[in-house]
């Protein structure tokens, strides 16, 4: 098979080197580069587009969550695997919600990293073995809707109890646009009313 091109992003040089040596042992992986922050990562994607970016979540200035959103917006063909020492579900759901296709803890073995890269490359969602999620919880993560940045803004304001006219005024958009966003949110979450929307968004740690 053709080699899977991977770019590693982490602000700790030791983690970068560790990941590099681990990935060099995987015969089907080609490392396209290493970046120490989100800016370097975006530059490297432009210069030599990888299939997959493995990025730390907890980085200064621009977090891995924001970076994932940028990558998915500007390079939708590039898949993202989040990497972290955190095991909190809120981080997992935030990464998946922003477009990540996988989640690894930094203590992952070479075999697990290999499996994650293959799964994500094939279009599947990969969750680290160290994250004790039930099948139902994994299915739920798969069901987290992907929202545009504007839809997220509208969702947060709805959760804060703002009415459509108030949201329109606050975001400097028309009432019709707010109404469209609200309808889209209900459709994406598969609910019929605002109460159902807030309930699901809360469960997914999105509000």
N, C-alpha and C. Protein backbone atom coordinates (compact mmCIF):
# COMPACT_ATOMS: atom_id res chain seq x y z
N UNK A 1 0.85 -1.20 0.00
CA UNK A 1 0.00 0.00 0.00
C UNK A 1 0.88 1.25 0.00
N UNK A 2 0.31 2.36 -0.46
CA UNK A 2 1.04 3.63 -0.39
C UNK A 2 1.20 4.01 1.08
N UNK A 3 2.25 4.75 1.35
CA UNK A 3 2.49 5.14 2.74
C UNK A 3 1.49 6.20 3.19
N UNK A 4 1.10 6.12 4.46
CA UNK A 4 0.19 7.12 5.03
C UNK A 4 1.05 8.26 5.57
N UNK A 5 0.81 9.45 5.04
CA UNK A 5 1.60 10.62 5.45
C UNK A 5 1.05 11.21 6.74
N UNK A 6 1.96 11.38 7.71
CA UNK A 6 1.55 11.85 9.04
C UNK A 6 2.39 13.05 9.47
N UNK A 7 1.72 14.07 10.01
CA UNK A 7 2.39 15.25 10.57
C UNK A 7 2.12 15.26 12.07
N UNK A 8 3.18 15.46 12.87
CA UNK A 8 3.03 15.46 14.33
C UNK A 8 3.11 16.90 14.85
N UNK A 9 2.20 17.26 15.76
CA UNK A 9 2.22 18.60 16.36
C UNK A 9 2.14 18.50 17.87
N UNK A 10 3.16 19.05 18.54
CA UNK A 10 3.18 19.06 20.01
C UNK A 10 4.18 20.13 20.45
N UNK A 11 3.88 20.83 21.55
CA UNK A 11 4.78 21.90 21.98
C UNK A 11 5.91 21.39 22.88
N UNK A 12 5.95 20.08 23.15
CA UNK A 12 7.04 19.51 23.94
C UNK A 12 8.01 18.75 23.03
N UNK A 13 9.27 19.22 22.90
CA UNK A 13 10.23 18.56 22.00
C UNK A 13 10.41 17.06 22.29
N UNK A 14 10.36 16.67 23.58
CA UNK A 14 10.55 15.26 23.92
C UNK A 14 9.39 14.39 23.39
N UNK A 15 8.19 14.95 23.46
CA UNK A 15 7.02 14.21 22.95
C UNK A 15 7.14 14.06 21.43
N UNK A 16 7.54 15.15 20.77
CA UNK A 16 7.73 15.11 19.31
C UNK A 16 8.74 14.03 18.92
N UNK A 17 9.86 14.02 19.61
CA UNK A 17 10.91 13.04 19.31
C UNK A 17 10.44 11.61 19.59
N UNK A 18 9.70 11.47 20.70
CA UNK A 18 9.17 10.15 21.06
C UNK A 18 8.20 9.63 20.03
N UNK A 19 7.30 10.52 19.58
CA UNK A 19 6.32 10.13 18.55
C UNK A 19 7.02 9.82 17.23
N UNK A 20 8.04 10.63 16.93
CA UNK A 20 8.79 10.44 15.68
C UNK A 20 9.43 9.05 15.65
N UNK A 21 10.11 8.70 16.75
CA UNK A 21 10.79 7.40 16.77
C UNK A 21 9.78 6.25 16.74
N UNK A 22 8.62 6.46 17.36
CA UNK A 22 7.57 5.44 17.35
C UNK A 22 7.03 5.25 15.93
N UNK A 23 6.74 6.38 15.27
CA UNK A 23 6.17 6.33 13.91
C UNK A 23 7.17 5.78 12.89
N UNK A 24 8.46 6.03 13.12
CA UNK A 24 9.48 5.53 12.19
C UNK A 24 9.55 4.00 12.18
N UNK A 25 9.00 3.39 13.24
CA UNK A 25 9.00 1.92 13.31
C UNK A 25 7.79 1.31 12.59
N UNK A 26 6.86 2.19 12.16
CA UNK A 26 5.66 1.68 11.47
C UNK A 26 5.92 1.76 9.97
N UNK A 27 5.98 0.59 9.33
CA UNK A 27 6.45 0.52 7.93
C UNK A 27 5.56 1.29 6.95
N UNK A 28 4.25 1.43 7.26
CA UNK A 28 3.38 2.08 6.28
C UNK A 28 3.20 3.58 6.54
N UNK A 29 4.00 4.13 7.46
CA UNK A 29 3.88 5.56 7.78
C UNK A 29 5.06 6.35 7.24
N UNK A 30 4.75 7.51 6.67
CA UNK A 30 5.80 8.46 6.24
C UNK A 30 5.56 9.76 7.01
N UNK A 31 6.57 10.21 7.76
CA UNK A 31 6.43 11.45 8.53
C UNK A 31 6.71 12.63 7.60
N UNK A 32 5.71 13.50 7.44
CA UNK A 32 5.90 14.66 6.54
C UNK A 32 6.54 15.84 7.28
N UNK A 33 6.47 15.82 8.62
CA UNK A 33 7.08 16.92 9.37
C UNK A 33 6.66 16.89 10.83
N UNK A 34 7.30 17.81 11.59
CA UNK A 34 6.97 17.96 13.01
C UNK A 34 6.79 19.45 13.29
N UNK A 35 5.72 19.77 14.01
CA UNK A 35 5.44 21.18 14.31
C UNK A 35 5.31 21.36 15.82
N UNK A 36 5.77 22.52 16.32
CA UNK A 36 5.71 22.75 17.77
C UNK A 36 4.52 23.63 18.18
N UNK A 37 3.77 24.12 17.18
CA UNK A 37 2.56 24.89 17.50
C UNK A 37 1.61 24.87 16.30
N UNK A 38 0.43 25.45 16.49
CA UNK A 38 -0.61 25.42 15.46
C UNK A 38 -0.20 26.15 14.19
N UNK A 39 0.54 27.27 14.33
CA UNK A 39 0.97 28.05 13.16
C UNK A 39 1.90 27.22 12.27
N UNK A 40 2.88 26.59 12.91
CA UNK A 40 3.82 25.74 12.16
C UNK A 40 3.08 24.60 11.49
N UNK A 41 2.12 24.06 12.22
CA UNK A 41 1.34 22.93 11.69
C UNK A 41 0.61 23.33 10.41
N UNK A 42 -0.08 24.48 10.45
CA UNK A 42 -0.85 24.92 9.28
C UNK A 42 0.08 25.20 8.10
N UNK A 43 1.26 25.79 8.37
CA UNK A 43 2.24 26.07 7.31
C UNK A 43 2.71 24.77 6.65
N UNK A 44 2.99 23.77 7.50
CA UNK A 44 3.49 22.51 6.98
C UNK A 44 2.42 21.76 6.17
N UNK A 45 1.17 21.89 6.60
CA UNK A 45 0.09 21.24 5.83
C UNK A 45 0.02 21.86 4.43
N UNK A 46 0.18 23.19 4.36
CA UNK A 46 0.14 23.88 3.06
C UNK A 46 1.28 23.42 2.16
N UNK A 47 2.47 23.24 2.76
CA UNK A 47 3.65 22.89 1.97
C UNK A 47 3.73 21.42 1.57
N UNK A 48 3.25 20.54 2.45
CA UNK A 48 3.32 19.11 2.18
C UNK A 48 2.14 18.43 2.88
N UNK A 49 1.00 18.43 2.20
CA UNK A 49 -0.24 17.99 2.84
C UNK A 49 -0.20 16.52 3.25
N UNK A 50 -0.39 16.26 4.57
CA UNK A 50 -0.39 14.88 5.04
C UNK A 50 -1.80 14.27 4.93
N UNK A 51 -1.89 12.98 5.16
CA UNK A 51 -3.21 12.35 5.25
C UNK A 51 -3.78 12.58 6.65
N UNK A 52 -2.88 12.55 7.65
CA UNK A 52 -3.30 12.62 9.05
C UNK A 52 -2.39 13.57 9.84
N UNK A 53 -3.01 14.38 10.70
CA UNK A 53 -2.25 15.20 11.65
C UNK A 53 -2.52 14.62 13.04
N UNK A 54 -1.44 14.32 13.77
CA UNK A 54 -1.59 13.90 15.17
C UNK A 54 -1.21 15.12 16.00
N UNK A 55 -2.17 15.65 16.77
CA UNK A 55 -1.89 16.88 17.51
C UNK A 55 -2.22 16.77 18.99
N UNK A 56 -1.39 17.42 19.78
CA UNK A 56 -1.66 17.53 21.22
C UNK A 56 -2.87 18.45 21.40
N UNK A 57 -3.62 18.23 22.47
CA UNK A 57 -4.77 19.10 22.74
C UNK A 57 -4.34 20.35 23.48
N UNK A 58 -3.48 20.16 24.48
CA UNK A 58 -3.14 21.24 25.39
C UNK A 58 -1.91 22.00 24.93
N UNK A 59 -2.10 22.93 23.98
CA UNK A 59 -0.97 23.72 23.48
C UNK A 59 -1.21 25.21 23.76
N UNK A 60 -0.12 25.99 23.91
CA UNK A 60 -0.30 27.43 24.15
C UNK A 60 -0.83 28.16 22.91
N UNK A 61 -1.37 29.33 23.15
CA UNK A 61 -1.94 30.20 22.09
C UNK A 61 -3.14 29.57 21.41
N UNK A 62 -2.90 28.63 20.48
CA UNK A 62 -4.03 27.96 19.82
C UNK A 62 -4.06 26.50 20.27
N UNK A 63 -5.12 26.10 20.91
CA UNK A 63 -5.21 24.73 21.42
C UNK A 63 -5.44 23.73 20.29
N UNK A 64 -5.25 22.47 20.61
CA UNK A 64 -5.49 21.42 19.62
C UNK A 64 -6.93 21.39 19.15
N UNK A 65 -7.83 21.81 20.04
CA UNK A 65 -9.26 21.83 19.68
C UNK A 65 -9.49 22.87 18.57
N UNK A 66 -8.92 24.07 18.76
CA UNK A 66 -9.06 25.13 17.75
C UNK A 66 -8.31 24.76 16.47
N UNK A 67 -7.14 24.14 16.64
CA UNK A 67 -6.34 23.74 15.47
C UNK A 67 -7.12 22.73 14.62
N UNK A 68 -7.76 21.77 15.30
CA UNK A 68 -8.55 20.76 14.60
C UNK A 68 -9.64 21.42 13.75
N UNK A 69 -10.29 22.40 14.34
CA UNK A 69 -11.35 23.12 13.64
C UNK A 69 -10.80 23.82 12.39
N UNK A 70 -9.62 24.45 12.54
CA UNK A 70 -8.98 25.15 11.41
C UNK A 70 -8.60 24.17 10.30
N UNK A 71 -8.01 23.05 10.70
CA UNK A 71 -7.59 22.05 9.70
C UNK A 71 -8.80 21.53 8.93
N UNK A 72 -9.86 21.18 9.66
CA UNK A 72 -11.05 20.60 9.01
C UNK A 72 -11.73 21.61 8.10
N UNK A 73 -11.59 22.90 8.44
CA UNK A 73 -12.22 23.94 7.62
C UNK A 73 -11.40 24.21 6.36
N UNK A 74 -10.07 24.32 6.52
CA UNK A 74 -9.21 24.69 5.39
C UNK A 74 -8.73 23.49 4.57
N UNK A 75 -8.60 22.35 5.24
CA UNK A 75 -8.12 21.13 4.56
C UNK A 75 -9.03 19.96 4.93
N UNK A 76 -10.27 19.96 4.43
CA UNK A 76 -11.24 18.93 4.85
C UNK A 76 -10.81 17.50 4.58
N UNK A 77 -9.85 17.33 3.65
CA UNK A 77 -9.40 15.97 3.33
C UNK A 77 -8.42 15.43 4.37
N UNK A 78 -7.86 16.33 5.21
CA UNK A 78 -6.88 15.91 6.22
C UNK A 78 -7.60 15.45 7.50
N UNK A 79 -7.26 14.26 7.96
CA UNK A 79 -7.88 13.72 9.17
C UNK A 79 -7.02 14.12 10.39
N UNK A 80 -7.66 14.20 11.54
CA UNK A 80 -6.95 14.61 12.76
C UNK A 80 -7.11 13.56 13.86
N UNK A 81 -5.98 13.22 14.49
CA UNK A 81 -6.02 12.38 15.69
C UNK A 81 -5.56 13.25 16.86
N UNK A 82 -6.41 13.37 17.87
CA UNK A 82 -6.05 14.16 19.05
C UNK A 82 -5.21 13.30 19.98
N UNK A 83 -4.25 13.95 20.64
CA UNK A 83 -3.38 13.22 21.55
C UNK A 83 -3.27 14.01 22.84
N UNK A 84 -3.39 13.33 23.98
CA UNK A 84 -3.40 14.06 25.23
C UNK A 84 -3.11 13.17 26.42
N UNK A 85 -2.77 13.82 27.54
CA UNK A 85 -2.65 13.07 28.80
C UNK A 85 -4.02 13.08 29.49
N UNK A 86 -4.91 13.93 29.01
CA UNK A 86 -6.25 14.00 29.60
C UNK A 86 -7.09 12.79 29.21
N UNK A 87 -7.93 12.37 30.15
CA UNK A 87 -8.86 11.29 29.81
C UNK A 87 -10.30 11.77 30.02
N UNK A 88 -10.47 13.05 30.33
CA UNK A 88 -11.82 13.56 30.56
C UNK A 88 -12.64 13.52 29.29
N UNK A 89 -13.88 13.10 29.44
CA UNK A 89 -14.74 12.95 28.27
C UNK A 89 -15.05 14.28 27.60
N UNK A 90 -15.02 15.38 28.39
CA UNK A 90 -15.33 16.68 27.77
C UNK A 90 -14.32 17.02 26.68
N UNK A 91 -13.04 16.67 26.90
CA UNK A 91 -12.02 16.94 25.89
C UNK A 91 -12.25 16.07 24.66
N UNK A 92 -12.62 14.81 24.91
CA UNK A 92 -12.85 13.89 23.79
C UNK A 92 -13.99 14.42 22.94
N UNK A 93 -15.10 14.74 23.59
CA UNK A 93 -16.27 15.19 22.81
C UNK A 93 -16.00 16.51 22.11
N UNK A 94 -15.21 17.40 22.76
CA UNK A 94 -14.88 18.68 22.10
C UNK A 94 -14.04 18.45 20.85
N UNK A 95 -13.08 17.53 20.93
CA UNK A 95 -12.24 17.24 19.77
C UNK A 95 -13.06 16.60 18.64
N UNK A 96 -13.89 15.63 19.00
CA UNK A 96 -14.72 14.96 17.98
C UNK A 96 -15.68 15.97 17.37
N UNK A 97 -16.24 16.82 18.24
CA UNK A 97 -17.20 17.83 17.77
C UNK A 97 -16.54 18.80 16.79
N UNK A 98 -15.25 19.04 16.98
CA UNK A 98 -14.52 19.96 16.09
C UNK A 98 -13.89 19.26 14.90
N UNK A 99 -14.21 17.97 14.76
CA UNK A 99 -13.79 17.30 13.53
C UNK A 99 -12.69 16.26 13.64
N UNK A 100 -12.21 15.97 14.87
CA UNK A 100 -11.16 14.94 15.01
C UNK A 100 -11.75 13.56 14.72
N UNK A 101 -10.92 12.70 14.18
CA UNK A 101 -11.37 11.33 13.84
C UNK A 101 -10.84 10.30 14.82
N UNK A 102 -10.00 10.74 15.76
CA UNK A 102 -9.44 9.78 16.70
C UNK A 102 -8.92 10.45 17.94
N UNK A 103 -8.72 9.65 18.98
CA UNK A 103 -8.24 10.18 20.25
C UNK A 103 -7.28 9.17 20.87
N UNK A 104 -6.05 9.60 21.12
CA UNK A 104 -5.03 8.75 21.73
C UNK A 104 -4.51 9.38 23.01
N UNK A 105 -4.21 8.55 24.01
CA UNK A 105 -3.51 9.10 25.18
C UNK A 105 -2.01 8.96 24.90
N UNK A 106 -1.21 9.84 25.50
CA UNK A 106 0.23 9.89 25.16
C UNK A 106 0.98 8.63 25.56
N UNK A 107 0.38 7.86 26.44
CA UNK A 107 1.04 6.62 26.88
C UNK A 107 0.75 5.45 25.93
N UNK A 108 0.08 5.73 24.82
CA UNK A 108 -0.32 4.66 23.87
C UNK A 108 0.89 3.89 23.34
N UNK A 109 0.69 2.60 23.14
CA UNK A 109 1.76 1.74 22.60
C UNK A 109 1.87 1.94 21.09
N UNK A 110 2.97 1.43 20.53
CA UNK A 110 3.19 1.51 19.08
C UNK A 110 2.03 0.81 18.35
N UNK A 111 1.60 -0.35 18.89
CA UNK A 111 0.51 -1.11 18.25
C UNK A 111 -0.78 -0.31 18.22
N UNK A 112 -1.03 0.42 19.31
CA UNK A 112 -2.26 1.21 19.37
C UNK A 112 -2.20 2.39 18.41
N UNK A 113 -1.04 3.05 18.33
CA UNK A 113 -0.87 4.17 17.40
C UNK A 113 -1.06 3.68 15.96
N UNK A 114 -0.49 2.51 15.69
CA UNK A 114 -0.63 1.88 14.37
C UNK A 114 -2.10 1.66 14.03
N UNK A 115 -2.82 1.10 15.00
CA UNK A 115 -4.26 0.81 14.80
C UNK A 115 -5.05 2.10 14.60
N UNK A 116 -4.70 3.13 15.39
CA UNK A 116 -5.40 4.42 15.29
C UNK A 116 -5.21 5.03 13.90
N UNK A 117 -3.96 5.03 13.41
CA UNK A 117 -3.66 5.62 12.10
C UNK A 117 -4.41 4.87 10.99
N UNK A 118 -4.38 3.55 11.05
CA UNK A 118 -5.08 2.75 10.03
C UNK A 118 -6.58 2.99 10.06
N UNK A 119 -7.16 2.98 11.26
CA UNK A 119 -8.61 3.18 11.40
C UNK A 119 -9.05 4.53 10.85
N UNK A 120 -8.33 5.56 11.27
CA UNK A 120 -8.68 6.93 10.84
C UNK A 120 -8.48 7.10 9.34
N UNK A 121 -7.40 6.53 8.82
CA UNK A 121 -7.12 6.60 7.37
C UNK A 121 -8.26 5.95 6.57
N UNK A 122 -8.85 4.90 7.15
CA UNK A 122 -9.95 4.20 6.48
C UNK A 122 -11.31 4.85 6.73
N UNK A 123 -11.29 6.00 7.42
CA UNK A 123 -12.54 6.74 7.62
C UNK A 123 -13.33 6.36 8.86
N UNK A 124 -12.69 5.60 9.76
CA UNK A 124 -13.39 5.21 11.00
C UNK A 124 -13.01 6.15 12.14
N UNK A 125 -13.81 6.07 13.22
CA UNK A 125 -13.51 6.86 14.42
C UNK A 125 -12.72 5.96 15.37
N UNK A 126 -11.58 6.45 15.89
CA UNK A 126 -10.76 5.63 16.78
C UNK A 126 -10.68 6.24 18.18
N UNK A 127 -10.94 5.43 19.20
CA UNK A 127 -10.83 5.87 20.59
C UNK A 127 -9.76 5.07 21.31
N UNK A 128 -8.90 5.74 22.06
CA UNK A 128 -7.83 5.07 22.79
C UNK A 128 -8.36 3.98 23.71
N UNK A 129 -7.60 2.89 23.81
CA UNK A 129 -7.98 1.77 24.68
C UNK A 129 -7.99 2.21 26.15
N UNK A 130 -7.23 3.23 26.47
CA UNK A 130 -7.16 3.69 27.86
C UNK A 130 -8.39 4.49 28.29
N UNK A 131 -9.25 4.81 27.34
CA UNK A 131 -10.45 5.56 27.69
C UNK A 131 -11.59 4.56 27.85
N UNK A 132 -12.02 4.41 29.07
CA UNK A 132 -13.03 3.39 29.36
C UNK A 132 -14.44 3.88 29.03
N UNK A 133 -14.75 3.86 27.75
CA UNK A 133 -16.09 4.25 27.31
C UNK A 133 -16.89 2.99 26.99
N UNK A 134 -18.15 3.02 27.36
CA UNK A 134 -19.01 1.89 27.01
C UNK A 134 -19.34 1.99 25.52
N UNK A 135 -19.87 0.92 24.96
CA UNK A 135 -20.27 0.93 23.54
C UNK A 135 -21.28 2.04 23.30
N UNK A 136 -22.21 2.18 24.23
CA UNK A 136 -23.25 3.23 24.10
C UNK A 136 -22.62 4.62 24.07
N UNK A 137 -21.61 4.83 24.94
CA UNK A 137 -20.94 6.14 24.97
C UNK A 137 -20.15 6.39 23.69
N UNK A 138 -19.51 5.34 23.16
CA UNK A 138 -18.79 5.49 21.89
C UNK A 138 -19.76 5.82 20.76
N UNK A 139 -20.91 5.15 20.76
CA UNK A 139 -21.94 5.44 19.74
C UNK A 139 -22.41 6.88 19.86
N UNK A 140 -22.54 7.32 21.12
CA UNK A 140 -22.99 8.69 21.36
C UNK A 140 -21.98 9.70 20.80
N UNK A 141 -20.68 9.40 21.00
CA UNK A 141 -19.64 10.29 20.45
C UNK A 141 -19.72 10.35 18.93
N UNK A 142 -20.04 9.19 18.34
CA UNK A 142 -20.20 9.15 16.88
C UNK A 142 -21.35 10.03 16.42
N UNK A 143 -22.32 10.22 17.32
CA UNK A 143 -23.53 10.97 16.94
C UNK A 143 -23.42 12.46 17.22
N UNK A 144 -22.28 12.90 17.75
CA UNK A 144 -22.15 14.34 18.04
C UNK A 144 -22.16 15.11 16.72
N UNK A 145 -23.11 16.04 16.57
CA UNK A 145 -23.17 16.77 15.30
C UNK A 145 -22.02 17.76 15.14
N UNK A 146 -21.60 17.96 13.91
CA UNK A 146 -20.54 18.94 13.63
C UNK A 146 -21.22 20.26 13.28
N UNK A 147 -20.88 21.30 14.04
CA UNK A 147 -21.52 22.61 13.86
C UNK A 147 -20.55 23.62 13.27
N UNK A 148 -21.10 24.58 12.54
CA UNK A 148 -20.28 25.71 12.06
C UNK A 148 -20.04 26.62 13.26
N UNK A 149 -19.06 27.53 13.13
CA UNK A 149 -18.76 28.43 14.26
C UNK A 149 -19.97 29.31 14.57
N UNK A 150 -20.73 29.71 13.55
CA UNK A 150 -21.93 30.53 13.78
C UNK A 150 -23.01 29.73 14.49
N UNK A 151 -23.18 28.46 14.10
CA UNK A 151 -24.17 27.62 14.77
C UNK A 151 -23.82 27.43 16.24
N UNK A 152 -22.52 27.33 16.53
CA UNK A 152 -22.08 27.20 17.93
C UNK A 152 -22.44 28.45 18.72
N UNK A 153 -22.22 29.61 18.10
CA UNK A 153 -22.56 30.87 18.77
C UNK A 153 -24.05 30.92 19.09
N UNK A 154 -24.86 30.57 18.09
CA UNK A 154 -26.32 30.59 18.27
C UNK A 154 -26.74 29.60 19.36
N UNK A 155 -26.14 28.41 19.33
CA UNK A 155 -26.45 27.38 20.33
C UNK A 155 -26.17 27.88 21.75
N UNK A 156 -25.01 28.52 21.95
CA UNK A 156 -24.64 29.03 23.27
C UNK A 156 -25.61 30.11 23.75
N UNK A 157 -26.04 30.95 22.82
CA UNK A 157 -26.98 32.02 23.19
C UNK A 157 -28.37 31.45 23.49
N UNK A 158 -28.78 30.42 22.75
CA UNK A 158 -30.06 29.75 23.03
C UNK A 158 -29.99 29.16 24.44
N UNK A 159 -28.85 28.52 24.74
CA UNK A 159 -28.68 27.90 26.06
C UNK A 159 -28.70 28.94 27.18
N UNK A 160 -28.26 30.16 26.86
CA UNK A 160 -28.27 31.25 27.85
C UNK A 160 -29.64 31.91 27.97
N UNK A 161 -30.61 31.40 27.19
CA UNK A 161 -31.98 31.90 27.31
C UNK A 161 -32.33 33.09 26.43
N UNK A 162 -31.48 33.41 25.45
CA UNK A 162 -31.78 34.53 24.55
C UNK A 162 -32.86 34.14 23.54
N UNK A 163 -33.69 35.08 23.19
CA UNK A 163 -34.72 34.85 22.17
C UNK A 163 -34.12 35.08 20.79
N UNK A 164 -34.84 34.68 19.74
CA UNK A 164 -34.33 34.90 18.37
C UNK A 164 -34.03 36.36 18.08
N UNK A 165 -34.95 37.31 18.41
CA UNK A 165 -34.65 38.73 18.15
C UNK A 165 -33.41 39.20 18.90
N UNK A 166 -33.24 38.72 20.16
CA UNK A 166 -32.06 39.12 20.94
C UNK A 166 -30.77 38.55 20.33
N UNK A 167 -30.85 37.32 19.84
CA UNK A 167 -29.68 36.70 19.20
C UNK A 167 -29.31 37.46 17.93
N UNK A 168 -30.34 37.82 17.15
CA UNK A 168 -30.12 38.57 15.90
C UNK A 168 -29.40 39.88 16.19
N UNK A 169 -29.86 40.56 17.25
CA UNK A 169 -29.27 41.84 17.62
C UNK A 169 -27.83 41.66 18.11
N UNK A 170 -27.61 40.63 18.91
CA UNK A 170 -26.29 40.39 19.50
C UNK A 170 -25.24 40.00 18.45
N UNK A 171 -25.67 39.23 17.45
CA UNK A 171 -24.72 38.74 16.43
C UNK A 171 -24.74 39.58 15.15
N UNK A 172 -25.57 40.63 15.13
CA UNK A 172 -25.69 41.51 13.95
C UNK A 172 -26.08 40.73 12.70
N UNK A 173 -27.06 39.84 12.87
CA UNK A 173 -27.58 39.09 11.72
C UNK A 173 -29.10 39.22 11.71
N UNK A 174 -29.71 38.86 10.59
CA UNK A 174 -31.17 39.03 10.48
C UNK A 174 -31.90 37.96 11.29
N UNK A 175 -33.13 38.27 11.62
CA UNK A 175 -34.00 37.34 12.36
C UNK A 175 -34.20 36.06 11.55
N UNK A 176 -34.31 36.22 10.24
CA UNK A 176 -34.48 35.06 9.35
C UNK A 176 -33.27 34.12 9.43
N UNK A 177 -32.07 34.71 9.49
CA UNK A 177 -30.83 33.92 9.59
C UNK A 177 -30.79 33.15 10.91
N UNK A 178 -31.17 33.81 12.00
CA UNK A 178 -31.21 33.15 13.31
C UNK A 178 -32.18 31.97 13.27
N UNK A 179 -33.33 32.22 12.67
CA UNK A 179 -34.36 31.18 12.57
C UNK A 179 -33.82 29.97 11.78
N UNK A 180 -33.09 30.26 10.71
CA UNK A 180 -32.49 29.18 9.89
C UNK A 180 -31.49 28.38 10.71
N UNK A 181 -30.64 29.11 11.47
CA UNK A 181 -29.64 28.43 12.31
C UNK A 181 -30.32 27.55 13.37
N UNK A 182 -31.38 28.08 13.96
CA UNK A 182 -32.10 27.33 15.00
C UNK A 182 -32.69 26.04 14.40
N UNK A 183 -33.29 26.17 13.22
CA UNK A 183 -33.87 25.00 12.55
C UNK A 183 -32.79 23.97 12.21
N UNK A 184 -31.63 24.47 11.72
CA UNK A 184 -30.51 23.58 11.40
C UNK A 184 -30.01 22.83 12.63
N UNK A 185 -29.96 23.56 13.75
CA UNK A 185 -29.51 22.94 15.00
C UNK A 185 -30.46 21.81 15.43
N UNK A 186 -31.77 22.08 15.34
CA UNK A 186 -32.76 21.06 15.70
C UNK A 186 -32.60 19.82 14.81
N UNK A 187 -32.38 20.07 13.51
CA UNK A 187 -32.21 18.96 12.55
C UNK A 187 -30.94 18.18 12.86
N UNK A 188 -29.83 18.89 13.07
CA UNK A 188 -28.54 18.22 13.32
C UNK A 188 -28.56 17.39 14.60
N UNK A 189 -29.27 17.88 15.61
CA UNK A 189 -29.34 17.15 16.88
C UNK A 189 -30.47 16.12 16.87
N UNK A 190 -31.32 16.19 15.84
CA UNK A 190 -32.42 15.23 15.74
C UNK A 190 -33.46 15.41 16.83
N UNK A 191 -33.75 16.67 17.18
CA UNK A 191 -34.75 16.96 18.22
C UNK A 191 -35.83 17.89 17.65
N UNK A 192 -36.93 18.00 18.41
CA UNK A 192 -38.06 18.80 17.92
C UNK A 192 -38.21 20.15 18.58
N UNK A 193 -37.53 20.36 19.70
CA UNK A 193 -37.72 21.62 20.41
C UNK A 193 -36.44 22.06 21.13
N UNK A 194 -36.49 23.28 21.66
CA UNK A 194 -35.32 23.87 22.32
C UNK A 194 -34.90 23.08 23.54
N UNK A 195 -35.86 22.58 24.31
CA UNK A 195 -35.54 21.82 25.52
C UNK A 195 -34.70 20.59 25.17
N UNK A 196 -35.12 19.88 24.11
CA UNK A 196 -34.39 18.69 23.66
C UNK A 196 -33.00 19.06 23.16
N UNK A 197 -32.91 20.20 22.49
CA UNK A 197 -31.63 20.69 21.95
C UNK A 197 -30.64 20.96 23.09
N UNK A 198 -31.09 21.69 24.11
CA UNK A 198 -30.23 22.03 25.25
C UNK A 198 -29.82 20.78 26.02
N UNK A 199 -30.76 19.86 26.17
CA UNK A 199 -30.48 18.63 26.91
C UNK A 199 -29.35 17.83 26.24
N UNK A 200 -29.45 17.67 24.90
CA UNK A 200 -28.42 16.92 24.17
C UNK A 200 -27.10 17.67 24.13
N UNK A 201 -27.17 18.99 23.90
CA UNK A 201 -25.94 19.80 23.83
C UNK A 201 -25.20 19.75 25.16
N UNK A 202 -25.95 19.72 26.26
CA UNK A 202 -25.35 19.63 27.60
C UNK A 202 -24.68 18.27 27.78
N UNK A 203 -25.37 17.22 27.32
CA UNK A 203 -24.81 15.87 27.45
C UNK A 203 -23.50 15.76 26.66
N UNK A 204 -23.43 16.45 25.51
CA UNK A 204 -22.23 16.40 24.68
C UNK A 204 -21.16 17.42 25.11
N UNK A 205 -21.41 18.09 26.25
CA UNK A 205 -20.48 19.14 26.76
C UNK A 205 -20.26 20.27 25.76
N UNK A 206 -21.32 20.63 25.04
CA UNK A 206 -21.19 21.68 24.02
C UNK A 206 -21.71 23.03 24.51
N UNK A 207 -22.36 23.04 25.67
CA UNK A 207 -22.84 24.31 26.25
C UNK A 207 -22.44 24.36 27.72
